[in-house]
Amino acid sequence: MSSLRRALDTVASQVLRLGLAAVTGVLLARALEPESRGVYAVVATTAGITIQLGHLSLQQSQIAFWPDAGKRRALLANSLFLSLAIGAICAMLSFAASLVLPLASPGLLALALLAVPFGVAAINLNGIMLLRSRQRLVNRAWVLTGLTQCVPLLVLIALGKASVTAVIVCWTLSTAAPFALLAATLKLRRLRGRIRLARRQLAVAGRYHPGRLAFYLLLTVDVLLLNALASAREAGLYTVAVAVLSLAAAPAEAVRQLSLARQADADGDGARQATTRALRLNLLTATAVVAVLAAAAPILIPLVYGSAYTPSVAPMLALAPGAIMLALLKPVEQFLVRLSRPMTMTAISIIALGVNLVLNGVLIPQWGAVGAAVASTAAYTLVAVIELTWFVRASRTAPRELLPRRADLVPARSG
């Protein structure tokens, strides 16, 4: 398949997936008031953090060992078996923690945690499939996520049964769905893991994982802090702002997926060129999409989500610059993994998380969701500036090469 066809398929799938997510967000807003939506967001965020804790950043070890073709089959097996086992352990630990620190209802959280082992496995299998250039399979898996949440929710609303519990059940099913599709393509009986390789994977991934977990917390902990320091209503308003801006992630994620194989397989200069082009594309597309969303927000949010969510406009505008910064991070981090400096990457994420927590602690009590948005934008910008500076120096790239060009809009063809 040509790179053009893969690019179009990936972009279309991302647009469809995020379109389904947007529809789901609207349905949730119409079915649940901001406070109830906040309760749902806290449960889903807690389970999501558990999934991120459990995947152990095995994707980084997959990238590191992938050049050795003899290890690829074992990497697949290890990713599957380690994910299911560690995901189950993390789910049990998270439920036990919820009994001590009741951020969310233990009963509701237990429903969401059922999906954790499968969510962990889906993330790591997704990494393997991207390294094998199986974008179409990955695209179908994530579209399935949107369908298995949106369609049942639509039915529940039509029947008048869209309670918080029912919505969380839909989330659980949609989180586990990609694993079912990805696993169905594997010849499970032929999979054989390697314990020695698994140990090496864990050793490599373990150096990256604290940073990856810190980065995920940077993206999500504000929901929990809003619930704790303000109210569930503020958390609900903030999630709508985030949901609207997530539409900017469609082209950025497509570029990331299409760049990964070349960034992992190419020599140093080839990986550098793939990274700079991905950064230019993401800067261009993310800025354009975010600008349109920001201009439309005062009309779009009350019209689509309902007048109860009009206060979501202000945090969305405050978060808009941060959304552009986020679009630049994944391509550059895929290159930085090649430098084998995991502790430096970890330190960057931990510093940004610390800044975010401090700013949230100061701003949320005064400004609520707007304060959380300002804190997030500041932290995202900090990470982007540090990592882009590192990339420019390490790759000896002129800063002007990161500026978008007309030629970037013409995909190269390959067999």
Protein backbone atom coordinates (compact mmCIF):
# COMPACT_ATOMS: atom_id res chain seq x y z
CA MET A 1 0.00 0.00 0.00
CA SER A 2 1.36 3.45 -0.89
CA SER A 3 2.14 5.92 1.85
CA LEU A 4 -0.55 8.19 0.37
CA ARG A 5 -3.25 5.53 0.74
CA ARG A 6 -2.11 4.70 4.26
CA ALA A 7 -2.11 8.38 5.16
CA LEU A 8 -5.63 8.90 3.83
CA ASP A 9 -6.92 5.77 5.54
CA THR A 10 -5.35 6.77 8.84
CA VAL A 11 -6.61 10.34 8.71
CA ALA A 12 -10.11 9.16 7.78
CA SER A 13 -10.10 6.65 10.64
CA GLN A 14 -8.88 9.23 13.13
CA VAL A 15 -11.52 11.72 11.99
CA LEU A 16 -14.20 9.03 12.28
CA ARG A 17 -12.98 7.93 15.71
CA LEU A 18 -12.84 11.46 17.04
CA GLY A 19 -16.16 12.23 15.39
CA LEU A 20 -17.69 9.32 17.27
CA ALA A 21 -16.01 10.58 20.45
CA ALA A 22 -17.46 14.03 19.83
CA VAL A 23 -20.94 12.58 19.32
CA THR A 24 -20.49 10.52 22.48
CA GLY A 25 -19.49 13.65 24.35
CA VAL A 26 -22.58 15.45 23.14
CA LEU A 27 -24.80 12.53 24.10
CA LEU A 28 -23.23 12.44 27.56
CA ALA A 29 -23.78 16.17 27.96
CA ARG A 30 -27.40 15.86 26.95
CA ALA A 31 -27.99 12.83 29.17
CA LEU A 32 -26.03 13.98 32.22
CA GLU A 33 -25.84 17.33 33.95
CA PRO A 34 -22.33 18.76 34.53
CA GLU A 35 -22.15 17.26 38.05
CA SER A 36 -23.05 13.73 36.90
CA ARG A 37 -20.70 14.07 33.95
CA GLY A 38 -18.01 15.01 36.45
CA VAL A 39 -18.66 11.80 38.43
CA TYR A 40 -18.33 9.78 35.23
CA ALA A 41 -15.13 11.66 34.32
CA VAL A 42 -13.54 10.91 37.69
CA VAL A 43 -14.27 7.17 37.37
CA ALA A 44 -13.08 6.97 33.75
CA THR A 45 -9.97 9.02 34.55
CA THR A 46 -9.06 6.81 37.51
CA ALA A 47 -9.42 3.66 35.40
CA GLY A 48 -7.48 5.32 32.59
CA ILE A 49 -4.62 6.16 34.94
CA THR A 50 -4.63 2.51 36.04
CA ILE A 51 -4.28 1.41 32.42
CA GLN A 52 -1.39 3.78 31.92
CA LEU A 53 0.27 2.49 35.06
CA GLY A 54 -0.13 -1.09 33.83
CA HIS A 55 1.21 -0.85 30.29
CA LEU A 56 4.70 -0.24 31.71
CA SER A 57 5.80 1.67 28.59
CA LEU A 58 6.52 -1.60 26.81
CA GLN A 59 6.10 0.31 23.54
CA GLN A 60 9.45 1.99 24.22
CA SER A 61 11.13 -1.40 24.62
CA GLN A 62 9.45 -2.59 21.43
CA ILE A 63 10.99 0.32 19.51
CA ALA A 64 14.38 -0.37 21.10
CA PHE A 65 14.46 -4.11 20.20
CA TRP A 66 12.54 -3.99 16.89
CA PRO A 67 15.62 -3.61 14.64
CA ASP A 68 16.56 -7.22 15.60
CA ALA A 69 14.17 -9.17 13.35
CA GLY A 70 14.76 -12.39 15.30
CA LYS A 71 13.11 -10.91 18.38
CA ARG A 72 9.94 -9.59 16.77
CA ARG A 73 7.71 -12.64 17.28
CA ALA A 74 8.78 -12.91 20.91
CA LEU A 75 8.16 -9.19 21.43
CA LEU A 76 4.58 -9.75 20.31
CA ALA A 77 4.07 -12.68 22.67
CA ASN A 78 5.69 -10.92 25.61
CA SER A 79 3.58 -7.82 25.06
CA LEU A 80 0.38 -9.86 25.15
CA PHE A 81 1.10 -12.02 28.17
CA LEU A 82 2.81 -9.37 30.28
CA SER A 83 0.02 -6.89 29.57
CA LEU A 84 -2.81 -9.15 30.69
CA ALA A 85 -1.03 -10.25 33.86
CA ILE A 86 0.22 -6.85 34.98
CA GLY A 87 -3.04 -5.16 33.98
CA ALA A 88 -5.00 -7.48 36.24
CA ILE A 89 -2.65 -6.79 39.15
CA CYS A 90 -2.92 -3.02 38.65
CA ALA A 91 -6.72 -3.20 38.51
CA MET A 92 -6.83 -4.98 41.87
CA LEU A 93 -4.40 -2.49 43.41
CA SER A 94 -6.42 0.45 42.11
CA PHE A 95 -9.63 -0.93 43.59
CA ALA A 96 -7.91 -1.46 46.94
CA ALA A 97 -6.64 2.14 46.82
CA SER A 98 -10.16 3.41 46.12
CA LEU A 99 -11.29 1.94 49.45
CA VAL A 100 -8.68 4.06 51.25
CA LEU A 101 -8.89 7.22 49.12
CA PRO A 102 -12.51 7.40 47.96
CA LEU A 103 -12.06 9.64 44.91
CA ALA A 104 -14.82 7.70 43.20
CA SER A 105 -17.55 5.25 44.14
CA PRO A 106 -15.90 1.81 44.61
CA GLY A 107 -18.84 0.11 42.90
CA LEU A 108 -18.67 2.32 39.82
CA LEU A 109 -14.91 2.11 39.73
CA ALA A 110 -15.01 -1.70 39.93
CA LEU A 111 -17.07 -1.75 36.71
CA ALA A 112 -14.52 0.41 34.91
CA LEU A 113 -11.54 -1.55 36.24
CA LEU A 114 -12.79 -4.73 34.56
CA ALA A 115 -11.46 -3.29 31.30
CA VAL A 116 -7.96 -2.53 32.58
CA PRO A 117 -6.12 -5.77 31.57
CA PHE A 118 -7.60 -5.56 28.07
CA GLY A 119 -6.90 -1.85 27.77
CA VAL A 120 -3.27 -2.44 28.76
CA ALA A 121 -2.90 -5.25 26.22
CA ALA A 122 -4.52 -3.17 23.47
CA ILE A 123 -1.98 -0.36 23.96
CA ASN A 124 1.01 -2.69 23.72
CA LEU A 125 -0.38 -4.72 20.82
CA ASN A 126 -1.14 -1.45 19.08
CA GLY A 127 2.56 -0.56 19.31
CA ILE A 128 3.56 -3.87 17.71
CA MET A 129 1.07 -3.47 14.88
CA LEU A 130 2.33 0.03 14.10
CA LEU A 131 5.90 -1.25 13.97
CA ARG A 132 4.67 -3.90 11.51
CA SER A 133 3.08 -1.08 9.44
CA ARG A 134 -0.41 -2.51 9.98
CA GLN A 135 -2.07 0.88 10.25
CA ARG A 136 -5.36 -0.35 8.79
CA LEU A 137 -5.81 -2.89 11.57
CA VAL A 138 -4.94 -0.30 14.21
CA ASN A 139 -7.34 2.16 12.60
CA ARG A 140 -10.19 -0.36 12.68
CA ALA A 141 -9.47 -1.19 16.31
CA TRP A 142 -9.74 2.41 17.48
CA VAL A 143 -12.82 3.11 15.36
CA LEU A 144 -14.34 0.09 17.09
CA THR A 145 -13.69 1.85 20.40
CA GLY A 146 -15.83 4.77 19.33
CA LEU A 147 -18.61 2.60 17.95
CA THR A 148 -18.89 0.40 21.04
CA GLN A 149 -19.32 3.44 23.25
CA CYS A 150 -21.42 5.66 21.01
CA VAL A 151 -24.00 3.19 19.69
CA PRO A 152 -24.99 1.61 23.04
CA LEU A 153 -25.15 5.08 24.60
CA LEU A 154 -27.46 6.25 21.83
CA VAL A 155 -29.74 3.27 22.50
CA LEU A 156 -29.72 3.94 26.25
CA ILE A 157 -30.69 7.58 25.71
CA ALA A 158 -33.49 6.56 23.37
CA LEU A 159 -34.80 4.20 26.06
CA GLY A 160 -34.36 6.77 28.82
CA LYS A 161 -31.86 4.55 30.67
CA ALA A 162 -28.70 6.66 30.45
CA SER A 163 -27.64 6.63 34.10
CA VAL A 164 -24.06 7.14 35.29
CA THR A 165 -23.76 3.38 35.85
CA ALA A 166 -24.93 2.57 32.33
CA VAL A 167 -22.53 5.10 30.84
CA ILE A 168 -19.60 3.55 32.72
CA VAL A 169 -20.56 0.10 31.44
CA CYS A 170 -20.40 1.51 27.90
CA TRP A 171 -16.95 2.95 28.64
CA THR A 172 -15.75 -0.43 29.92
CA LEU A 173 -16.93 -2.26 26.81
CA SER A 174 -15.39 0.32 24.49
CA THR A 175 -12.04 0.18 26.30
CA ALA A 176 -11.84 -3.60 25.97
CA ALA A 177 -13.06 -3.73 22.34
CA PRO A 178 -9.73 -2.97 20.56
CA PHE A 179 -8.05 -5.87 22.35
CA ALA A 180 -10.68 -8.28 21.02
CA LEU A 181 -10.05 -7.20 17.43
CA LEU A 182 -6.26 -7.14 17.68
CA ALA A 183 -6.10 -10.49 19.47
CA ALA A 184 -8.36 -12.08 16.86
CA THR A 185 -5.65 -11.56 14.23
CA LEU A 186 -3.02 -13.43 16.24
CA LYS A 187 -2.23 -17.12 16.07
CA LEU A 188 -2.25 -17.52 19.83
CA ARG A 189 -1.17 -21.17 19.85
CA ARG A 190 2.05 -20.28 18.07
CA LEU A 191 3.00 -17.45 20.37
CA ARG A 192 5.97 -18.18 22.59
CA GLY A 193 7.40 -15.60 24.91
CA ARG A 194 11.02 -15.34 26.01
CA ILE A 195 11.60 -14.79 29.69
CA ARG A 196 15.10 -13.37 29.19
CA LEU A 197 13.81 -10.93 26.56
CA ALA A 198 10.91 -10.01 28.85
CA ARG A 199 13.37 -9.11 31.57
CA ARG A 200 15.34 -6.96 29.17
CA GLN A 201 12.12 -5.32 27.97
CA LEU A 202 11.09 -4.52 31.52
CA ALA A 203 14.54 -3.14 32.27
CA VAL A 204 14.39 -0.81 29.25
CA ALA A 205 10.74 0.12 29.67
CA GLY A 206 11.16 0.65 33.40
CA ARG A 207 13.50 3.54 32.72
CA TYR A 208 10.91 5.25 30.55
CA HIS A 209 7.75 4.38 32.44
CA PRO A 210 7.94 6.85 35.34
CA GLY A 211 8.19 9.62 32.77
CA ARG A 212 5.36 8.24 30.62
CA LEU A 213 3.15 7.83 33.68
CA ALA A 214 4.03 11.35 34.85
CA PHE A 215 3.12 12.67 31.40
CA TYR A 216 -0.23 10.89 31.42
CA LEU A 217 -0.95 12.30 34.87
CA LEU A 218 -0.06 15.70 33.46
CA LEU A 219 -2.84 15.20 30.90
CA THR A 220 -5.48 13.85 33.27
CA VAL A 221 -4.88 14.66 36.92
CA ASP A 222 -6.60 18.04 36.59
CA VAL A 223 -9.97 16.26 36.43
CA LEU A 224 -9.32 14.62 39.79
CA LEU A 225 -7.99 17.88 41.25
CA LEU A 226 -11.03 19.82 40.06
CA ASN A 227 -13.27 17.26 41.71
CA ALA A 228 -11.27 17.50 44.96
CA LEU A 229 -10.54 21.24 45.08
CA ALA A 230 -13.66 22.64 43.39
CA SER A 231 -16.59 20.38 42.51
CA ALA A 232 -17.74 17.58 40.24
CA ARG A 233 -19.55 20.27 38.22
CA GLU A 234 -16.26 22.05 37.44
CA ALA A 235 -14.74 18.72 36.43
CA GLY A 236 -17.69 18.12 34.11
CA LEU A 237 -17.34 21.55 32.50
CA TYR A 238 -13.61 21.01 32.00
CA THR A 239 -14.08 17.65 30.28
CA VAL A 240 -16.28 19.30 27.65
CA ALA A 241 -13.54 21.85 26.93
CA VAL A 242 -11.04 19.00 26.56
CA ALA A 243 -13.43 17.01 24.36
CA VAL A 244 -13.87 19.89 21.91
CA LEU A 245 -10.11 20.44 21.59
CA SER A 246 -9.50 16.71 21.15
CA LEU A 247 -10.69 17.14 17.56
CA ALA A 248 -7.29 18.72 16.86
CA ALA A 249 -5.65 15.41 17.74
CA ALA A 250 -6.98 13.57 14.66
CA PRO A 251 -4.39 14.72 12.10
CA ALA A 252 -1.63 14.76 14.74
CA GLU A 253 -2.24 11.12 15.69
CA ALA A 254 -2.39 10.09 12.04
CA VAL A 255 1.00 11.70 11.39
CA ARG A 256 2.46 10.04 14.50
CA GLN A 257 1.34 6.58 13.44
CA LEU A 258 2.60 6.96 9.89
CA SER A 259 5.97 8.29 11.08
CA LEU A 260 6.69 5.61 13.68
CA ALA A 261 7.94 2.83 11.38
CA ARG A 262 10.40 5.11 9.60
CA GLN A 263 11.57 6.72 12.83
CA ALA A 264 12.28 3.26 14.25
CA ASP A 265 13.80 1.61 11.16
CA ALA A 266 15.65 4.45 9.41
CA ASP A 267 19.21 5.56 10.06
CA GLY A 268 19.87 8.69 12.07
CA ASP A 269 19.38 11.18 9.25
CA GLY A 270 16.32 9.37 7.90
CA ALA A 271 14.72 9.40 11.35
CA ARG A 272 15.57 13.09 11.71
CA GLN A 273 13.92 13.93 8.39
CA ALA A 274 10.82 11.90 9.27
CA THR A 275 10.60 13.69 12.61
CA THR A 276 11.00 17.21 11.24
CA ARG A 277 8.34 16.60 8.60
CA ALA A 278 5.95 15.19 11.21
CA LEU A 279 6.54 18.24 13.41
CA ARG A 280 5.87 20.64 10.54
CA LEU A 281 2.68 18.86 9.57
CA ASN A 282 1.42 18.74 13.14
CA LEU A 283 2.19 22.40 13.78
CA LEU A 284 0.32 23.39 10.64
CA THR A 285 -2.75 21.20 11.07
CA ALA A 286 -3.11 21.59 14.84
CA THR A 287 -2.91 25.39 14.62
CA ALA A 288 -5.52 25.50 11.88
CA VAL A 289 -7.97 23.18 13.65
CA VAL A 290 -7.54 24.82 17.07
CA ALA A 291 -8.05 28.29 15.57
CA VAL A 292 -11.33 27.22 13.97
CA LEU A 293 -12.54 25.56 17.18
CA ALA A 294 -11.62 28.59 19.29
CA ALA A 295 -13.47 30.95 16.97
CA ALA A 296 -16.56 28.75 16.93
CA ALA A 297 -16.58 27.83 20.63
CA PRO A 298 -18.89 30.59 21.96
CA ILE A 299 -21.62 29.41 19.59
CA LEU A 300 -20.63 25.76 19.18
CA ILE A 301 -20.53 24.65 22.82
CA PRO A 302 -23.93 26.00 24.01
CA LEU A 303 -25.59 24.92 20.75
CA VAL A 304 -24.21 21.38 20.71
CA TYR A 305 -23.77 20.51 24.37
CA GLY A 306 -26.54 22.61 25.87
CA SER A 307 -26.72 25.91 27.72
CA ALA A 308 -25.61 24.22 30.97
CA TYR A 309 -22.14 23.89 29.40
CA THR A 310 -21.73 27.52 28.31
CA PRO A 311 -19.13 28.02 31.09
CA SER A 312 -16.93 25.46 29.24
CA VAL A 313 -16.05 28.10 26.62
CA ALA A 314 -13.59 29.97 28.85
CA PRO A 315 -11.49 26.92 29.85
CA MET A 316 -11.49 25.75 26.22
CA LEU A 317 -9.97 29.04 25.08
CA ALA A 318 -7.40 28.92 27.88
CA LEU A 319 -6.46 25.37 26.91
CA ALA A 320 -6.24 26.02 23.14
CA PRO A 321 -2.51 26.96 23.01
CA GLY A 322 -1.72 23.86 25.06
CA ALA A 323 -3.50 21.67 22.49
CA ILE A 324 -1.12 22.93 19.80
CA MET A 325 1.88 22.15 22.01
CA LEU A 326 0.60 18.61 22.62
CA ALA A 327 0.44 17.95 18.88
CA LEU A 328 4.22 18.43 18.69
CA LEU A 329 5.19 16.11 21.50
CA LYS A 330 4.57 12.57 20.23
CA PRO A 331 6.62 12.80 17.01
CA VAL A 332 9.58 14.39 18.78
CA GLU A 333 9.46 11.86 21.63
CA GLN A 334 9.50 8.96 19.16
CA PHE A 335 12.83 10.35 17.92
CA LEU A 336 14.21 11.07 21.39
CA VAL A 337 13.72 7.40 22.36
CA ARG A 338 16.53 6.60 19.91
CA LEU A 339 18.96 8.62 22.03
CA SER A 340 18.64 6.15 24.93
CA ARG A 341 18.29 8.89 27.54
CA PRO A 342 15.21 7.62 29.41
CA MET A 343 16.02 9.32 32.70
CA THR A 344 16.25 12.70 30.97
CA MET A 345 12.82 12.18 29.39
CA THR A 346 11.47 11.05 32.75
CA ALA A 347 12.87 14.13 34.48
CA ILE A 348 11.19 16.44 31.94
CA SER A 349 7.78 14.87 32.52
CA ILE A 350 8.14 14.84 36.29
CA ILE A 351 9.18 18.51 36.35
CA ALA A 352 6.21 19.46 34.16
CA LEU A 353 3.85 17.44 36.34
CA GLY A 354 5.21 19.21 39.42
CA VAL A 355 4.65 22.60 37.80
CA ASN A 356 1.14 21.54 36.82
CA LEU A 357 0.27 20.36 40.33
CA VAL A 358 1.53 23.57 41.92
CA LEU A 359 -0.33 25.77 39.45
CA ASN A 360 -3.50 23.71 39.82
CA GLY A 361 -3.28 24.00 43.59
CA VAL A 362 -3.08 27.79 43.31
CA LEU A 363 -5.46 28.43 40.41
CA ILE A 364 -8.29 25.90 40.80
CA PRO A 365 -9.62 27.22 44.13
CA GLN A 366 -9.92 30.70 42.57
CA TRP A 367 -10.78 30.04 38.94
CA GLY A 368 -12.05 26.46 38.81
CA ALA A 369 -11.94 24.91 35.34
CA VAL A 370 -10.29 28.00 33.83
CA GLY A 371 -7.48 27.72 36.37
CA ALA A 372 -6.94 24.06 35.47
CA ALA A 373 -6.79 24.99 31.77
CA VAL A 374 -4.20 27.72 32.37
CA ALA A 375 -2.09 25.33 34.45
CA SER A 376 -2.23 22.66 31.75
CA THR A 377 -1.30 25.05 28.95
CA ALA A 378 1.70 26.30 30.92
CA ALA A 379 2.90 22.76 31.63
CA TYR A 380 2.38 21.50 28.05
CA THR A 381 4.30 24.48 26.70
CA LEU A 382 7.16 23.81 29.09
CA VAL A 383 7.50 20.19 27.94
CA ALA A 384 7.29 21.15 24.25
CA VAL A 385 9.96 23.85 24.52
CA ILE A 386 12.39 21.59 26.40
CA GLU A 387 11.96 18.57 24.10
CA LEU A 388 12.06 20.55 20.87
CA THR A 389 15.25 22.28 22.02
CA TRP A 390 16.75 18.88 22.85
CA PHE A 391 15.76 17.49 19.45
CA VAL A 392 17.20 20.48 17.57
CA ARG A 393 20.53 20.19 19.37
CA ALA A 394 20.82 16.39 19.32
CA SER A 395 19.90 16.05 15.63
CA ARG A 396 21.70 19.22 14.52
CA THR A 397 18.51 20.46 12.95
CA ALA A 398 18.17 24.13 12.09
CA PRO A 399 15.13 25.59 13.87
CA ARG A 400 13.80 26.91 10.55
CA GLU A 401 13.36 23.29 9.41
CA LEU A 402 10.50 22.98 11.90
CA LEU A 403 8.46 25.66 10.14
CA PRO A 404 5.72 24.32 7.80
CA ARG A 405 6.35 24.28 4.05
CA ARG A 406 4.00 23.97 1.10
CA ALA A 407 5.78 20.76 0.04
CA ASP A 408 4.71 19.08 3.31
CA LEU A 409 1.13 18.98 2.05
CA VAL A 410 2.11 16.69 -0.86
CA PRO A 411 2.52 13.10 0.46
CA ALA A 412 5.38 11.10 -1.00
CA ARG A 413 4.48 7.85 -2.72
CA SER A 414 6.14 4.57 -1.90
CA GLY A 415 5.43 0.97 -2.68
